Amino acid sequence: MSFDAAQHRAHLKDFPEYITAGNLKNNYMWQTQKYGRLLMQKSTRQPLNIIMVGCVEAYRFNCGPAGTCFKLDVAGLEKSKQQFHLGKPAEELFAEDFMRAVTVLEKLQTATAKTKEKKNLIVKEYDETMVRFMHRLFKKREKPILQPKKFGTYLEDLENPSELEQQEDCEMVDEETDLWPVPPHLAKELERIKYNFITNPLPIYKDEEFVGPAAVEKCMSEALVEVTFNLEHYAIFKQNEPVHDTFDADILQVNILKDGDDTPLSAFKLHDVHEGPVKLQKKRSLVMSAEEPAAKKTKKNDDGNATTSQKGKQKEV
């Protein structure tokens, strides 16, 4: 089923959460949380949910099962985030809304920030303006699970460290966390944190179906998406002086509206290296010089002899 941009935009206009609907104007307040502040709706005193539409950019696109966890010496897996950036979409209606949305967010930042340096939310790189979204990959368990006791060390324990003898009264780790498809080099790290942290899958949907962690990056690549998010603000201090402000768009839900266009591969990318180098094909110019005479077309008769074409053939007198 093809995506109707005009119809979907008209549908979104009926919701006050849509960022260009004007709901942010004088109808918000910041509520202090444990570490920062959360944008709230003034009239209801509830977190302000914001909806925005854009195109997922390749820039720092980290939505795989490990998120932004690349090196364990920098941060543990439990602190990993999934992140992506939205850029201006090709659909003209949503392109206009996207730029208006950026203006709304910029004004909100300016009215809130304690410093002139505002990080993380509005990103300007390579002559593009993008909005960064993030999602915490793991949540701390309300009640930690006791690690099961091992009764001796066996060969199968060394080969499969997660398959341990369980005490009958010991609570088991949930299946989703236990089988979370992290890369092999992070398997031990997952084993370490799974008793204190639980996976928090990115709530992403395509055709109203949940997209599993292993398929997220493929489905989202360059897609047109609708993102619902909350906005958080953190003022970073050093020696009791504000150094910079950080704004985080915390993802609540992602709906894929339209798949991204596949970039066609060149002959060099598709070529088998064992078949020799790619040979460039010479193309005749579409514009012919005035001095260049038109070449006569020739064809072969049944005897194999070349004859002039019917168009250039002259009558014999």
Protein backbone atom coordinates (compact mmCIF):
# COMPACT_ATOMS: atom_id res chain seq x y z
CA MET A 1 0.00 0.00 0.00
CA SER A 2 1.48 3.34 -1.06
CA PHE A 3 1.96 6.09 1.51
CA ASP A 4 -0.24 9.18 1.15
CA ALA A 5 1.75 12.06 2.67
CA ALA A 6 -1.07 14.62 2.42
CA GLN A 7 -3.60 12.33 4.07
CA HIS A 8 -1.26 11.41 6.93
CA ARG A 9 -0.28 15.03 7.53
CA ALA A 10 -3.97 16.02 7.71
CA HIS A 11 -4.44 13.22 10.25
CA LEU A 12 -1.56 14.48 12.42
CA LYS A 13 -2.85 18.05 12.34
CA ASP A 14 -5.81 16.90 14.47
CA PHE A 15 -3.49 16.02 17.36
CA PRO A 16 -2.13 18.67 19.75
CA GLU A 17 1.02 16.55 20.17
CA TYR A 18 2.11 17.26 16.59
CA ILE A 19 4.96 19.71 16.98
CA THR A 20 3.67 22.27 14.47
CA ALA A 21 0.16 22.33 16.00
CA GLY A 22 1.19 25.13 18.37
CA ASN A 23 0.70 23.18 21.61
CA LEU A 24 4.16 24.15 22.88
CA LYS A 25 3.31 27.84 22.85
CA ASN A 26 2.88 28.96 26.49
CA ASN A 27 1.55 25.52 27.47
CA TYR A 28 4.62 23.91 28.96
CA MET A 29 6.66 23.84 32.14
CA TRP A 30 9.80 22.07 33.31
CA GLN A 31 9.61 19.63 36.21
CA THR A 32 12.75 18.73 38.12
CA GLN A 33 13.66 15.04 38.04
CA LYS A 34 16.43 13.12 39.81
CA TYR A 35 19.18 14.31 37.47
CA GLY A 36 17.58 16.87 35.16
CA ARG A 37 14.27 18.35 34.09
CA LEU A 38 11.39 16.93 32.05
CA LEU A 39 9.13 19.00 29.78
CA MET A 40 5.56 18.88 31.09
CA GLN A 41 2.19 20.04 29.83
CA LYS A 42 1.16 22.92 32.06
CA SER A 43 -2.59 22.25 31.95
CA THR A 44 -2.40 18.54 32.85
CA ARG A 45 0.94 18.36 34.72
CA GLN A 46 1.76 15.29 32.61
CA PRO A 47 4.88 14.70 30.47
CA LEU A 48 4.46 16.55 27.19
CA ASN A 49 4.46 14.05 24.34
CA ILE A 50 5.72 15.53 21.06
CA ILE A 51 5.28 14.07 17.55
CA MET A 52 7.67 14.84 14.70
CA VAL A 53 8.12 13.43 11.17
CA GLY A 54 11.41 13.20 9.29
CA CYS A 55 13.82 11.04 7.32
CA VAL A 56 16.28 8.79 9.19
CA GLU A 57 19.82 9.85 8.30
CA ALA A 58 22.87 7.58 8.04
CA TYR A 59 24.78 10.04 10.25
CA ARG A 60 25.76 8.28 13.53
CA PHE A 61 22.97 5.74 13.09
CA ASN A 62 23.24 3.33 16.04
CA CYS A 63 20.05 1.35 16.57
CA GLY A 64 21.45 -2.19 16.64
CA PRO A 65 21.16 -4.58 19.63
CA ALA A 66 24.29 -3.04 21.22
CA GLY A 67 23.39 0.58 20.52
CA THR A 68 26.29 2.96 21.15
CA CYS A 69 28.35 0.41 23.11
CA PHE A 70 31.52 0.01 21.06
CA LYS A 71 34.32 -0.21 23.63
CA LEU A 72 33.82 -1.48 27.15
CA ASP A 73 36.68 0.63 28.45
CA VAL A 74 34.55 3.72 27.70
CA ALA A 75 31.22 2.62 29.21
CA GLY A 76 29.44 -0.61 30.10
CA LEU A 77 26.62 -2.15 28.09
CA GLU A 78 24.06 -1.05 30.71
CA LYS A 79 24.72 2.61 29.77
CA SER A 80 24.27 2.05 26.05
CA LYS A 81 21.74 4.06 24.05
CA GLN A 82 20.18 3.59 20.66
CA GLN A 83 20.23 6.79 18.63
CA PHE A 84 19.37 8.17 15.22
CA HIS A 85 19.07 11.57 13.56
CA LEU A 86 16.12 12.88 11.59
CA GLY A 87 16.70 15.09 8.57
CA LYS A 88 14.45 17.02 6.22
CA PRO A 89 12.31 14.53 4.25
CA ALA A 90 11.81 14.56 0.48
CA GLU A 91 8.02 14.90 0.81
CA GLU A 92 7.38 18.64 0.42
CA LEU A 93 4.59 18.87 3.01
CA PHE A 94 6.62 17.16 5.71
CA ALA A 95 9.78 19.04 4.67
CA GLU A 96 8.05 22.33 5.52
CA ASP A 97 6.82 20.93 8.84
CA PHE A 98 10.29 19.62 9.66
CA MET A 99 11.95 23.01 9.30
CA ARG A 100 9.18 24.63 11.34
CA ALA A 101 9.68 21.95 14.00
CA VAL A 102 13.40 22.74 14.17
CA THR A 103 12.55 26.41 14.71
CA VAL A 104 10.15 25.48 17.54
CA LEU A 105 12.82 23.35 19.24
CA GLU A 106 15.49 26.03 18.82
CA LYS A 107 13.24 28.65 20.45
CA LEU A 108 12.47 26.24 23.30
CA GLN A 109 16.17 25.63 23.87
CA THR A 110 16.98 29.35 23.88
CA ALA A 111 14.21 30.07 26.40
CA THR A 112 15.40 27.26 28.70
CA ALA A 113 19.20 27.04 28.49
CA LYS A 114 21.46 28.53 31.13
CA THR A 115 24.35 28.88 28.66
CA LYS A 116 24.84 29.68 24.98
CA GLU A 117 26.18 26.17 24.30
CA LYS A 118 23.29 23.80 23.67
CA LYS A 119 24.17 20.18 22.86
CA ASN A 120 22.70 16.92 21.56
CA LEU A 121 19.28 17.93 20.19
CA ILE A 122 19.81 20.15 17.13
CA VAL A 123 22.77 18.94 15.07
CA LYS A 124 24.17 20.90 12.13
CA GLU A 125 26.68 18.98 10.03
CA TYR A 126 27.61 19.01 6.33
CA ASP A 127 25.17 21.88 5.59
CA GLU A 128 22.33 19.79 7.03
CA THR A 129 20.12 20.41 10.05
CA MET A 130 19.16 17.28 11.96
CA VAL A 131 17.40 16.38 15.20
CA ARG A 132 18.93 13.69 17.41
CA PHE A 133 16.78 11.08 19.16
CA MET A 134 17.89 8.59 21.80
CA HIS A 135 16.58 5.54 23.67
CA ARG A 136 18.10 3.87 26.73
CA LEU A 137 18.74 0.25 25.86
CA PHE A 138 18.61 -1.14 29.41
CA LYS A 139 16.62 -0.31 32.54
CA LYS A 140 17.61 -1.13 36.09
CA ARG A 141 15.53 -3.93 37.55
CA GLU A 142 13.22 -2.92 40.39
CA LYS A 143 14.37 -6.03 42.19
CA PRO A 144 17.77 -7.54 41.26
CA ILE A 145 17.87 -11.25 40.48
CA LEU A 146 20.23 -13.34 42.59
CA GLN A 147 22.90 -15.00 40.52
CA PRO A 148 22.50 -18.79 40.68
CA LYS A 149 25.08 -20.78 42.58
CA LYS A 150 27.40 -23.10 40.71
CA PHE A 151 28.02 -26.51 42.16
CA GLY A 152 31.45 -27.24 40.73
CA THR A 153 32.98 -26.30 37.40
CA TYR A 154 32.38 -28.51 34.41
CA LEU A 155 33.40 -28.49 30.78
CA GLU A 156 29.88 -27.49 29.70
CA ASP A 157 30.05 -24.53 32.09
CA LEU A 158 33.19 -23.30 30.36
CA GLU A 159 31.65 -23.75 26.92
CA ASN A 160 28.25 -22.28 27.89
CA PRO A 161 28.72 -19.93 30.85
CA SER A 162 25.03 -18.87 30.82
CA GLU A 163 23.77 -22.42 31.26
CA LEU A 164 24.23 -22.75 35.00
CA GLU A 165 22.46 -24.91 37.53
CA GLN A 166 19.56 -22.96 38.98
CA GLN A 167 18.31 -23.19 42.52
CA GLU A 168 14.66 -24.17 42.66
CA ASP A 169 13.69 -20.96 44.47
CA CYS A 170 15.93 -18.70 42.35
CA GLU A 171 14.15 -16.26 40.02
CA MET A 172 15.15 -16.70 36.39
CA VAL A 173 16.30 -13.94 34.05
CA ASP A 174 13.57 -13.07 31.55
CA GLU A 175 14.00 -14.70 28.14
CA GLU A 176 14.17 -11.44 26.17
CA THR A 177 17.13 -10.14 28.19
CA ASP A 178 18.85 -13.52 28.36
CA LEU A 179 18.68 -13.98 24.58
CA TRP A 180 19.26 -10.36 23.57
CA PRO A 181 21.26 -10.58 20.28
CA VAL A 182 24.37 -8.60 21.22
CA PRO A 183 27.55 -9.12 19.14
CA PRO A 184 29.75 -12.04 20.29
CA HIS A 185 32.35 -9.78 21.90
CA LEU A 186 29.66 -8.41 24.26
CA ALA A 187 28.22 -11.78 25.33
CA LYS A 188 30.15 -11.82 28.61
CA GLU A 189 29.13 -8.23 29.30
CA LEU A 190 25.45 -9.15 28.87
CA GLU A 191 25.99 -12.09 31.21
CA ARG A 192 27.42 -9.70 33.78
CA ILE A 193 24.60 -7.13 33.75
CA LYS A 194 21.47 -9.22 33.10
CA TYR A 195 20.80 -9.88 36.80
CA ASN A 196 20.56 -6.16 37.58
CA PHE A 197 19.31 -4.75 34.27
CA ILE A 198 16.49 -5.63 31.90
CA THR A 199 16.35 -4.91 28.17
CA ASN A 200 14.27 -1.95 27.06
CA PRO A 201 13.52 -2.66 23.35
CA LEU A 202 13.13 0.29 21.00
CA PRO A 203 9.34 0.61 20.44
CA ILE A 204 9.40 0.68 16.65
CA TYR A 205 6.57 -0.47 14.39
CA LYS A 206 6.11 -1.12 10.69
CA ASP A 207 2.59 -1.76 9.37
CA GLU A 208 1.53 -1.88 13.04
CA GLU A 209 3.87 -4.83 13.69
CA PHE A 210 6.70 -4.66 16.24
CA VAL A 211 10.17 -4.70 14.66
CA GLY A 212 12.60 -6.98 16.51
CA PRO A 213 16.06 -5.76 17.60
CA ALA A 214 17.96 -7.60 14.87
CA ALA A 215 15.88 -5.99 12.09
CA VAL A 216 15.65 -2.41 13.37
CA GLU A 217 18.61 -0.91 11.49
CA LYS A 218 17.61 -2.45 8.16
CA CYS A 219 13.99 -1.30 8.47
CA MET A 220 14.84 2.23 9.59
CA SER A 221 17.62 3.02 7.14
CA GLU A 222 16.67 6.26 5.29
CA ALA A 223 12.99 5.63 6.09
CA LEU A 224 10.34 8.29 6.62
CA VAL A 225 9.29 7.92 10.26
CA GLU A 226 6.95 9.44 12.81
CA VAL A 227 8.59 9.79 16.23
CA THR A 228 6.82 10.42 19.54
CA PHE A 229 9.17 11.64 22.26
CA ASN A 230 9.64 13.46 25.57
CA LEU A 231 12.15 16.25 26.00
CA GLU A 232 14.70 16.32 28.83
CA HIS A 233 17.06 19.12 29.87
CA TYR A 234 20.32 18.88 31.80
CA ALA A 235 22.47 21.82 32.87
CA ILE A 236 26.09 20.68 33.16
CA PHE A 237 28.04 22.47 35.89
CA LYS A 238 31.72 22.74 36.70
CA GLN A 239 32.79 24.35 39.97
CA ASN A 240 29.22 25.57 40.51
CA GLU A 241 29.20 27.34 37.15
CA PRO A 242 27.07 26.16 34.18
CA VAL A 243 29.33 24.94 31.36
CA HIS A 244 26.79 23.84 28.77
CA ASP A 245 23.21 22.63 28.37
CA THR A 246 22.13 19.23 27.08
CA PHE A 247 18.72 18.46 25.59
CA ASP A 248 17.67 14.84 24.98
CA ALA A 249 14.73 13.72 22.84
CA ASP A 250 13.78 10.48 24.62
CA ILE A 251 11.93 8.16 22.21
CA LEU A 252 8.51 6.85 23.22
CA GLN A 253 7.54 5.30 19.87
CA VAL A 254 8.61 5.14 16.23
CA ASN A 255 6.25 4.40 13.34
CA ILE A 256 7.77 3.69 9.94
CA LEU A 257 5.63 5.52 7.38
CA LYS A 258 7.61 4.81 4.22
CA ASP A 259 10.63 2.64 3.44
CA GLY A 260 13.87 4.29 2.42
CA ASP A 261 14.95 4.22 -1.22
CA ASP A 262 17.70 1.72 -2.00
CA THR A 263 20.81 3.42 -3.34
CA PRO A 264 21.72 1.80 -6.70
CA LEU A 265 25.16 0.22 -6.74
CA SER A 266 27.63 1.11 -9.48
CA ALA A 267 29.17 -1.43 -11.84
CA PHE A 268 32.34 -1.31 -9.73
CA LYS A 269 30.45 -2.45 -6.60
CA LEU A 270 28.63 -5.26 -8.40
CA HIS A 271 31.66 -6.48 -10.34
CA ASP A 272 33.43 -9.76 -9.53
CA VAL A 273 37.09 -8.85 -8.95
CA HIS A 274 38.20 -12.19 -10.40
CA GLU A 275 36.80 -11.28 -13.83
CA GLY A 276 39.28 -8.50 -14.51
CA PRO A 277 38.84 -4.72 -14.33
CA VAL A 278 35.61 -2.94 -15.16
CA LYS A 279 35.77 -1.46 -18.65
CA LEU A 280 34.15 1.90 -19.18
CA GLN A 281 31.64 2.03 -22.02
CA LYS A 282 32.07 4.95 -24.40
CA LYS A 283 28.80 6.80 -24.95
CA ARG A 284 28.11 8.86 -28.07
CA SER A 285 27.28 12.48 -27.33
CA LEU A 286 23.63 13.40 -27.76
CA VAL A 287 24.68 16.75 -29.24
CA MET A 288 26.24 16.52 -32.70
CA SER A 289 28.62 19.15 -34.05
CA ALA A 290 27.33 21.18 -37.03
CA GLU A 291 30.44 20.27 -39.06
CA GLU A 292 30.11 16.55 -38.26
CA PRO A 293 28.30 14.76 -41.11
CA ALA A 294 25.74 12.17 -40.19
CA ALA A 295 27.14 8.68 -40.64
CA LYS A 296 25.35 6.55 -43.16
CA LYS A 297 23.64 3.56 -41.68
CA THR A 298 24.56 0.32 -43.38
CA LYS A 299 23.05 -3.09 -43.36
CA LYS A 300 24.04 -6.39 -44.79
CA ASN A 301 22.04 -8.12 -47.47
CA ASP A 302 21.45 -11.84 -47.58
CA ASP A 303 24.82 -12.32 -49.36
CA GLY A 304 26.68 -10.56 -46.56
CA ASN A 305 27.49 -7.44 -48.65
CA ALA A 306 27.04 -4.02 -47.08
CA THR A 307 24.41 -1.77 -48.70
CA THR A 308 23.26 1.75 -47.93
CA SER A 309 20.11 2.10 -45.85
CA GLN A 310 16.81 2.78 -47.56
CA LYS A 311 16.79 6.30 -46.10
CA GLY A 312 20.11 7.29 -47.72
CA LYS A 313 19.66 5.36 -50.96
CA GLN A 314 19.54 7.45 -54.16
CA LYS A 315 17.50 6.60 -57.21
CA GLU A 316 19.40 5.41 -60.23
CA VAL A 317 18.84 7.50 -63.39
